[in-house]
Amino acid sequence: MKNPPHIKLLLKTIKNLRELLKEEWMRDHISPLTEQLNGRELEDIDKGLKAIQRLKDAVVEKEMKQFKFHPDIEPELLKEENE
């Protein structure tokens, strides 16, 4: 059974969000800036990264509850997640 276009788009969006918001990605892109910052500013950045991660997790959870995935769709989501 093929997924409808809106489900495919949702799966792709979730996958992209997870990739973009990974803490490692964020740290890699802000690391040049951190050399110029003091300890307090680094703590603030770390708190911000953790807040972004919590927000991302909440958005993904809300989307999954909202769409109540069909049993045939969930394995595909897990498969894409593991790639």
PDB file of N, CA and C in Angstrom:
ATOM      1  N   MET A   1       0.847  -1.184   0.000  1.00  0.00           N
ATOM      2  CA  MET A   1       0.000   0.000   0.000  1.00  0.00           C
ATOM      3  C   MET A   1       0.887   1.240   0.000  1.00  0.00           C
ATOM      4  N   LYS A   2       0.629   2.103  -0.964  1.00  0.00           N
ATOM      5  CA  LYS A   2       1.417   3.334  -1.044  1.00  0.00           C
ATOM      6  C   LYS A   2       0.856   4.372  -0.082  1.00  0.00           C
ATOM      7  N   ASN A   3       1.759   5.179   0.453  1.00  0.00           N
ATOM      8  CA  ASN A   3       1.337   6.262   1.333  1.00  0.00           C
ATOM      9  C   ASN A   3       0.801   7.414   0.499  1.00  0.00           C
ATOM     10  N   PRO A   4      -0.230   8.102   0.999  1.00  0.00           N
ATOM     11  CA  PRO A   4      -0.720   9.295   0.301  1.00  0.00           C
ATOM     12  C   PRO A   4       0.365  10.374   0.301  1.00  0.00           C
ATOM     13  N   PRO A   5       0.293  11.319  -0.629  1.00  0.00           N
ATOM     14  CA  PRO A   5       1.329  12.361  -0.727  1.00  0.00           C
ATOM     15  C   PRO A   5       1.536  13.144   0.567  1.00  0.00           C
ATOM     16  N   HIS A   6       0.444  13.444   1.293  1.00  0.00           N
ATOM     17  CA  HIS A   6       0.613  14.236   2.520  1.00  0.00           C
ATOM     18  C   HIS A   6       1.364  13.443   3.591  1.00  0.00           C
ATOM     19  N   ILE A   7       1.203  12.124   3.607  1.00  0.00           N
ATOM     20  CA  ILE A   7       1.949  11.299   4.567  1.00  0.00           C
ATOM     21  C   ILE A   7       3.417  11.235   4.164  1.00  0.00           C
ATOM     22  N   LYS A   8       3.681  11.094   2.867  1.00  0.00           N
ATOM     23  CA  LYS A   8       5.069  11.088   2.394  1.00  0.00           C
ATOM     24  C   LYS A   8       5.759  12.395   2.762  1.00  0.00           C
ATOM     25  N   LEU A   9       5.057  13.508   2.553  1.00  0.00           N
ATOM     26  CA  LEU A   9       5.619  14.815   2.888  1.00  0.00           C
ATOM     27  C   LEU A   9       5.867  14.923   4.389  1.00  0.00           C
ATOM     28  N   LEU A  10       4.926  14.440   5.188  1.00  0.00           N
ATOM     29  CA  LEU A  10       5.089  14.481   6.644  1.00  0.00           C
ATOM     30  C   LEU A  10       6.294  13.650   7.077  1.00  0.00           C
ATOM     31  N   LEU A  11       6.429  12.451   6.524  1.00  0.00           N
ATOM     32  CA  LEU A  11       7.569  11.596   6.869  1.00  0.00           C
ATOM     33  C   LEU A  11       8.882  12.267   6.490  1.00  0.00           C
ATOM     34  N   LYS A  12       8.911  12.876   5.311  1.00  0.00           N
ATOM     35  CA  LYS A  12      10.121  13.562   4.864  1.00  0.00           C
ATOM     36  C   LYS A  12      10.424  14.759   5.763  1.00  0.00           C
ATOM     37  N   THR A  13       9.390  15.504   6.147  1.00  0.00           N
ATOM     38  CA  THR A  13       9.571  16.668   7.012  1.00  0.00           C
ATOM     39  C   THR A  13      10.104  16.255   8.378  1.00  0.00           C
ATOM     40  N   ILE A  14       9.539  15.205   8.945  1.00  0.00           N
ATOM     41  CA  ILE A  14      10.007  14.720  10.251  1.00  0.00           C
ATOM     42  C   ILE A  14      11.467  14.292  10.157  1.00  0.00           C
ATOM     43  N   LYS A  15      11.784  13.570   9.107  1.00  0.00           N
ATOM     44  CA  LYS A  15      13.166  13.111   8.925  1.00  0.00           C
ATOM     45  C   LYS A  15      14.115  14.304   8.805  1.00  0.00           C
ATOM     46  N   ASN A  16      13.720  15.308   8.013  1.00  0.00           N
ATOM     47  CA  ASN A  16      14.565  16.490   7.840  1.00  0.00           C
ATOM     48  C   ASN A  16      14.725  17.269   9.137  1.00  0.00           C
ATOM     49  N   LEU A  17      13.652  17.401   9.907  1.00  0.00           N
ATOM     50  CA  LEU A  17      13.737  18.093  11.198  1.00  0.00           C
ATOM     51  C   LEU A  17      14.718  17.386  12.125  1.00  0.00           C
ATOM     52  N   ARG A  18      14.615  16.091  12.175  1.00  0.00           N
ATOM     53  CA  ARG A  18      15.516  15.329  13.046  1.00  0.00           C
ATOM     54  C   ARG A  18      16.964  15.516  12.635  1.00  0.00           C
ATOM     55  N   GLU A  19      17.207  15.515  11.336  1.00  0.00           N
ATOM     56  CA  GLU A  19      18.576  15.683  10.850  1.00  0.00           C
ATOM     57  C   GLU A  19      19.107  17.079  11.168  1.00  0.00           C
ATOM     58  N   LEU A  20      18.297  18.090  10.902  1.00  0.00           N
ATOM     59  CA  LEU A  20      18.764  19.465  11.075  1.00  0.00           C
ATOM     60  C   LEU A  20      18.980  19.850  12.525  1.00  0.00           C
ATOM     61  N   LEU A  21      18.192  19.279  13.410  1.00  0.00           N
ATOM     62  CA  LEU A  21      18.237  19.723  14.799  1.00  0.00           C
ATOM     63  C   LEU A  21      19.070  18.837  15.714  1.00  0.00           C
ATOM     64  N   LYS A  22      19.791  17.915  15.152  1.00  0.00           N
ATOM     65  CA  LYS A  22      20.662  17.090  15.988  1.00  0.00           C
ATOM     66  C   LYS A  22      21.694  17.985  16.665  1.00  0.00           C
ATOM     67  N   GLU A  23      21.941  17.689  17.905  1.00  0.00           N
ATOM     68  CA  GLU A  23      22.859  18.516  18.684  1.00  0.00           C
ATOM     69  C   GLU A  23      24.244  18.588  18.053  1.00  0.00           C
ATOM     70  N   GLU A  24      24.715  17.493  17.483  1.00  0.00           N
ATOM     71  CA  GLU A  24      26.039  17.490  16.864  1.00  0.00           C
ATOM     72  C   GLU A  24      26.104  18.491  15.718  1.00  0.00           C
ATOM     73  N   TRP A  25      25.045  18.540  14.931  1.00  0.00           N
ATOM     74  CA  TRP A  25      24.997  19.469  13.798  1.00  0.00           C
ATOM     75  C   TRP A  25      25.070  20.904  14.308  1.00  0.00           C
ATOM     76  N   MET A  26      24.275  21.182  15.332  1.00  0.00           N
ATOM     77  CA  MET A  26      24.247  22.532  15.886  1.00  0.00           C
ATOM     78  C   MET A  26      25.629  22.907  16.431  1.00  0.00           C
ATOM     79  N   ARG A  27      26.242  22.009  17.158  1.00  0.00           N
ATOM     80  CA  ARG A  27      27.551  22.299  17.741  1.00  0.00           C
ATOM     81  C   ARG A  27      28.608  22.506  16.661  1.00  0.00           C
ATOM     82  N   ASP A  28      28.564  21.713  15.602  1.00  0.00           N
ATOM     83  CA  ASP A  28      29.532  21.874  14.511  1.00  0.00           C
ATOM     84  C   ASP A  28      29.429  23.249  13.868  1.00  0.00           C
ATOM     85  N   HIS A  29      28.219  23.736  13.725  1.00  0.00           N
ATOM     86  CA  HIS A  29      28.026  25.004  13.035  1.00  0.00           C
ATOM     87  C   HIS A  29      28.247  26.223  13.921  1.00  0.00           C
ATOM     88  N   ILE A  30      28.156  26.044  15.224  1.00  0.00           N
ATOM     89  CA  ILE A  30      28.409  27.200  16.089  1.00  0.00           C
ATOM     90  C   ILE A  30      29.780  27.136  16.749  1.00  0.00           C
ATOM     91  N   SER A  31      30.516  26.061  16.552  1.00  0.00           N
ATOM     92  CA  SER A  31      31.809  25.921  17.227  1.00  0.00           C
ATOM     93  C   SER A  31      32.785  27.054  16.919  1.00  0.00           C
ATOM     94  N   PRO A  32      32.858  27.593  15.692  1.00  0.00           N
ATOM     95  CA  PRO A  32      33.775  28.716  15.477  1.00  0.00           C
ATOM     96  C   PRO A  32      33.436  29.924  16.355  1.00  0.00           C
ATOM     97  N   LEU A  33      32.154  30.099  16.641  1.00  0.00           N
ATOM     98  CA  LEU A  33      31.741  31.226  17.481  1.00  0.00           C
ATOM     99  C   LEU A  33      32.086  31.002  18.946  1.00  0.00           C
ATOM    100  N   THR A  34      32.070  29.750  19.381  1.00  0.00           N
ATOM    101  CA  THR A  34      32.259  29.471  20.802  1.00  0.00           C
ATOM    102  C   THR A  34      33.650  29.827  21.296  1.00  0.00           C
ATOM    103  N   GLU A  35      34.614  29.856  20.403  1.00  0.00           N
ATOM    104  CA  GLU A  35      35.966  30.218  20.815  1.00  0.00           C
ATOM    105  C   GLU A  35      36.022  31.649  21.339  1.00  0.00           C
ATOM    106  N   GLN A  36      35.099  32.491  20.910  1.00  0.00           N
ATOM    107  CA  GLN A  36      35.096  33.897  21.297  1.00  0.00           C
ATOM    108  C   GLN A  36      34.204  34.165  22.511  1.00  0.00           C
ATOM    109  N   LEU A  37      33.509  33.166  22.991  1.00  0.00           N
ATOM    110  CA  LEU A  37      32.531  33.376  24.050  1.00  0.00           C
ATOM    111  C   LEU A  37      33.075  32.968  25.413  1.00  0.00           C
ATOM    112  N   ASN A  38      32.518  33.591  26.454  1.00  0.00           N
ATOM    113  CA  ASN A  38      32.918  33.206  27.808  1.00  0.00           C
ATOM    114  C   ASN A  38      32.051  32.056  28.314  1.00  0.00           C
ATOM    115  N   GLY A  39      32.341  31.541  29.496  1.00  0.00           N
ATOM    116  CA  GLY A  39      31.642  30.378  30.044  1.00  0.00           C
ATOM    117  C   GLY A  39      30.146  30.557  30.180  1.00  0.00           C
ATOM    118  N   ARG A  40      29.709  31.727  30.638  1.00  0.00           N
ATOM    119  CA  ARG A  40      28.271  31.949  30.819  1.00  0.00           C
ATOM    120  C   ARG A  40      27.546  31.906  29.481  1.00  0.00           C
ATOM    121  N   GLU A  41      28.124  32.518  28.474  1.00  0.00           N
ATOM    122  CA  GLU A  41      27.494  32.508  27.155  1.00  0.00           C
ATOM    123  C   GLU A  41      27.412  31.082  26.609  1.00  0.00           C
ATOM    124  N   LEU A  42      28.446  30.278  26.873  1.00  0.00           N
ATOM    125  CA  LEU A  42      28.421  28.882  26.432  1.00  0.00           C
ATOM    126  C   LEU A  42      27.303  28.104  27.125  1.00  0.00           C
ATOM    127  N   GLU A  43      27.098  28.379  28.418  1.00  0.00           N
ATOM    128  CA  GLU A  43      26.010  27.726  29.148  1.00  0.00           C
ATOM    129  C   GLU A  43      24.666  28.113  28.550  1.00  0.00           C
ATOM    130  N   ASP A  44      24.510  29.401  28.197  1.00  0.00           N
ATOM    131  CA  ASP A  44      23.263  29.869  27.591  1.00  0.00           C
ATOM    132  C   ASP A  44      23.012  29.174  26.253  1.00  0.00           C
ATOM    133  N   ILE A  45      24.062  29.006  25.460  1.00  0.00           N
ATOM    134  CA  ILE A  45      23.933  28.320  24.172  1.00  0.00           C
ATOM    135  C   ILE A  45      23.527  26.870  24.401  1.00  0.00           C
ATOM    136  N   ASP A  46      24.154  26.220  25.378  1.00  0.00           N
ATOM    137  CA  ASP A  46      23.824  24.828  25.673  1.00  0.00           C
ATOM    138  C   ASP A  46      22.366  24.696  26.107  1.00  0.00           C
ATOM    139  N   LYS A  47      21.899  25.619  26.947  1.00  0.00           N
ATOM    140  CA  LYS A  47      20.496  25.608  27.369  1.00  0.00           C
ATOM    141  C   LYS A  47      19.579  25.800  26.162  1.00  0.00           C
ATOM    142  N   GLY A  48      19.973  26.684  25.262  1.00  0.00           N
ATOM    143  CA  GLY A  48      19.182  26.919  24.053  1.00  0.00           C
ATOM    144  C   GLY A  48      19.098  25.680  23.180  1.00  0.00           C
ATOM    145  N   LEU A  49      20.222  24.979  23.034  1.00  0.00           N
ATOM    146  CA  LEU A  49      20.230  23.743  22.237  1.00  0.00           C
ATOM    147  C   LEU A  49      19.313  22.690  22.855  1.00  0.00           C
ATOM    148  N   LYS A  50      19.352  22.593  24.176  1.00  0.00           N
ATOM    149  CA  LYS A  50      18.490  21.623  24.853  1.00  0.00           C
ATOM    150  C   LYS A  50      17.020  22.004  24.691  1.00  0.00           C
ATOM    151  N   ALA A  51      16.719  23.308  24.742  1.00  0.00           N
ATOM    152  CA  ALA A  51      15.345  23.768  24.548  1.00  0.00           C
ATOM    153  C   ALA A  51      14.865  23.463  23.129  1.00  0.00           C
ATOM    154  N   ILE A  52      15.740  23.657  22.144  1.00  0.00           N
ATOM    155  CA  ILE A  52      15.392  23.341  20.755  1.00  0.00           C
ATOM    156  C   ILE A  52      15.106  21.850  20.619  1.00  0.00           C
ATOM    157  N   GLN A  53      15.920  21.027  21.244  1.00  0.00           N
ATOM    158  CA  GLN A  53      15.713  19.573  21.180  1.00  0.00           C
ATOM    159  C   GLN A  53      14.377  19.188  21.799  1.00  0.00           C
ATOM    160  N   ARG A  54      14.033  19.784  22.962  1.00  0.00           N
ATOM    161  CA  ARG A  54      12.751  19.483  23.605  1.00  0.00           C
ATOM    162  C   ARG A  54      11.590  19.926  22.720  1.00  0.00           C
ATOM    163  N   LEU A  55      11.725  21.095  22.094  1.00  0.00           N
ATOM    164  CA  LEU A  55      10.685  21.597  21.201  1.00  0.00           C
ATOM    165  C   LEU A  55      10.504  20.660  20.011  1.00  0.00           C
ATOM    166  N   LYS A  56      11.611  20.240  19.415  1.00  0.00           N
ATOM    167  CA  LYS A  56      11.555  19.314  18.280  1.00  0.00           C
ATOM    168  C   LYS A  56      10.850  18.021  18.683  1.00  0.00           C
ATOM    169  N   ASP A  57      11.209  17.472  19.841  1.00  0.00           N
ATOM    170  CA  ASP A  57      10.588  16.235  20.311  1.00  0.00           C
ATOM    171  C   ASP A  57       9.084  16.417  20.511  1.00  0.00           C
ATOM    172  N   ALA A  58       8.692  17.570  21.059  1.00  0.00           N
ATOM    173  CA  ALA A  58       7.274  17.841  21.282  1.00  0.00           C
ATOM    174  C   ALA A  58       6.519  17.960  19.961  1.00  0.00           C
ATOM    175  N   VAL A  59       7.119  18.616  18.975  1.00  0.00           N
ATOM    176  CA  VAL A  59       6.476  18.771  17.668  1.00  0.00           C
ATOM    177  C   VAL A  59       6.291  17.410  17.007  1.00  0.00           C
ATOM    178  N   VAL A  60       7.325  16.593  17.022  1.00  0.00           N
ATOM    179  CA  VAL A  60       7.238  15.261  16.408  1.00  0.00           C
ATOM    180  C   VAL A  60       6.169  14.429  17.112  1.00  0.00           C
ATOM    181  N   GLU A  61       6.146  14.472  18.438  1.00  0.00           N
ATOM    182  CA  GLU A  61       5.158  13.700  19.187  1.00  0.00           C
ATOM    183  C   GLU A  61       3.744  14.165  18.856  1.00  0.00           C
ATOM    184  N   LYS A  62       3.539  15.478  18.785  1.00  0.00           N
ATOM    185  CA  LYS A  62       2.219  16.026  18.463  1.00  0.00           C
ATOM    186  C   LYS A  62       1.789  15.599  17.065  1.00  0.00           C
ATOM    187  N   GLU A  63       2.698  15.677  16.100  1.00  0.00           N
ATOM    188  CA  GLU A  63       2.374  15.279  14.730  1.00  0.00           C
ATOM    189  C   GLU A  63       1.995  13.804  14.669  1.00  0.00           C
ATOM    190  N   MET A  64       2.727  12.972  15.378  1.00  0.00           N
ATOM    191  CA  MET A  64       2.441  11.537  15.334  1.00  0.00           C
ATOM    192  C   MET A  64       1.087  11.240  15.972  1.00  0.00           C
ATOM    193  N   LYS A  65       0.751  11.930  17.063  1.00  0.00           N
ATOM    194  CA  LYS A  65      -0.552  11.726  17.700  1.00  0.00           C
ATOM    195  C   LYS A  65      -1.670  12.224  16.794  1.00  0.00           C
ATOM    196  N   GLN A  66      -1.437  13.359  16.145  1.00  0.00           N
ATOM    197  CA  GLN A  66      -2.460  13.976  15.306  1.00  0.00           C
ATOM    198  C   GLN A  66      -2.830  13.068  14.131  1.00  0.00           C
ATOM    199  N   PHE A  67      -1.847  12.453  13.514  1.00  0.00           N
ATOM    200  CA  PHE A  67      -2.121  11.656  12.326  1.00  0.00           C
ATOM    201  C   PHE A  67      -2.452  10.200  12.643  1.00  0.00           C
ATOM    202  N   LYS A  68      -2.216   9.763  13.872  1.00  0.00           N
ATOM    203  CA  LYS A  68      -2.520   8.392  14.294  1.00  0.00           C
ATOM    204  C   LYS A  68      -2.173   7.413  13.173  1.00  0.00           C
ATOM    205  N   PHE A  69      -0.898   7.220  12.985  1.00  0.00           N
ATOM    206  CA  PHE A  69      -0.389   6.436  11.866  1.00  0.00           C
ATOM    207  C   PHE A  69      -1.053   5.072  11.734  1.00  0.00           C
ATOM    208  N   HIS A  70      -1.332   4.718  10.516  1.00  0.00           N
ATOM    209  CA  HIS A  70      -1.859   3.407  10.156  1.00  0.00           C
ATOM    210  C   HIS A  70      -0.743   2.385  10.408  1.00  0.00           C
ATOM    211  N   PRO A  71      -1.068   1.165  10.831  1.00  0.00           N
ATOM    212  CA  PRO A  71      -0.021   0.161  11.114  1.00  0.00           C
ATOM    213  C   PRO A  71       0.932  -0.078   9.944  1.00  0.00           C
ATOM    214  N   ASP A  72       0.453   0.091   8.718  1.00  0.00           N
ATOM    215  CA  ASP A  72       1.323  -0.098   7.557  1.00  0.00           C
ATOM    216  C   ASP A  72       2.293   1.060   7.371  1.00  0.00           C
ATOM    217  N   ILE A  73       1.986   2.196   7.949  1.00  0.00           N
ATOM    218  CA  ILE A  73       2.823   3.381   7.776  1.00  0.00           C
ATOM    219  C   ILE A  73       3.908   3.432   8.850  1.00  0.00           C
ATOM    220  N   GLU A  74       3.589   3.030  10.070  1.00  0.00           N
ATOM    221  CA  GLU A  74       4.558   3.102  11.165  1.00  0.00           C
ATOM    222  C   GLU A  74       5.864   2.380  10.859  1.00  0.00           C
ATOM    223  N   PRO A  75       5.840   1.151  10.319  1.00  0.00           N
ATOM    224  CA  PRO A  75       7.123   0.495  10.014  1.00  0.00           C
ATOM    225  C   PRO A  75       7.966   1.309   9.035  1.00  0.00           C
ATOM    226  N   GLU A  76       7.309   1.989   8.100  1.00  0.00           N
ATOM    227  CA  GLU A  76       8.058   2.813   7.149  1.00  0.00           C
ATOM    228  C   GLU A  76       8.718   3.988   7.867  1.00  0.00           C
ATOM    229  N   LEU A  77       8.001   4.582   8.817  1.00  0.00           N
ATOM    230  CA  LEU A  77       8.571   5.685   9.592  1.00  0.00           C
ATOM    231  C   LEU A  77       9.783   5.195  10.364  1.00  0.00           C
ATOM    232  N   LEU A  78       9.667   4.047  10.998  1.00  0.00           N
ATOM    233  CA  LEU A  78      10.795   3.508  11.758  1.00  0.00           C
ATOM    234  C   LEU A  78      11.954   3.172  10.830  1.00  0.00           C
ATOM    235  N   LYS A  79      11.639   2.656   9.649  1.00  0.00           N
ATOM    236  CA  LYS A  79      12.680   2.319   8.686  1.00  0.00           C
ATOM    237  C   LYS A  79      13.440   3.575   8.272  1.00  0.00           C
ATOM    238  N   GLU A  80      12.710   4.658   7.954  1.00  0.00           N
ATOM    239  CA  GLU A  80      13.359   5.905   7.555  1.00  0.00           C
ATOM    240  C   GLU A  80      14.158   6.486   8.706  1.00  0.00           C
ATOM    241  N   GLU A  81      13.655   6.324   9.924  1.00  0.00           N
ATOM    242  CA  GLU A  81      14.336   6.848  11.100  1.00  0.00           C
ATOM    243  C   GLU A  81      15.696   6.188  11.283  1.00  0.00           C
ATOM    244  N   ASN A  82      15.791   4.913  10.964  1.00  0.00           N
ATOM    245  CA  ASN A  82      17.023   4.161  11.175  1.00  0.00           C
ATOM    246  C   ASN A  82      18.032   4.345  10.060  1.00  0.00           C
ATOM    247  N   GLU A  83      17.644   4.956   8.962  1.00  0.00           N
ATOM    248  CA  GLU A  83      18.579   5.153   7.843  1.00  0.00           C
ATOM    249  C   GLU A  83      19.539   6.278   8.117  1.00  0.00           C
TER     250      GLU A  83
END
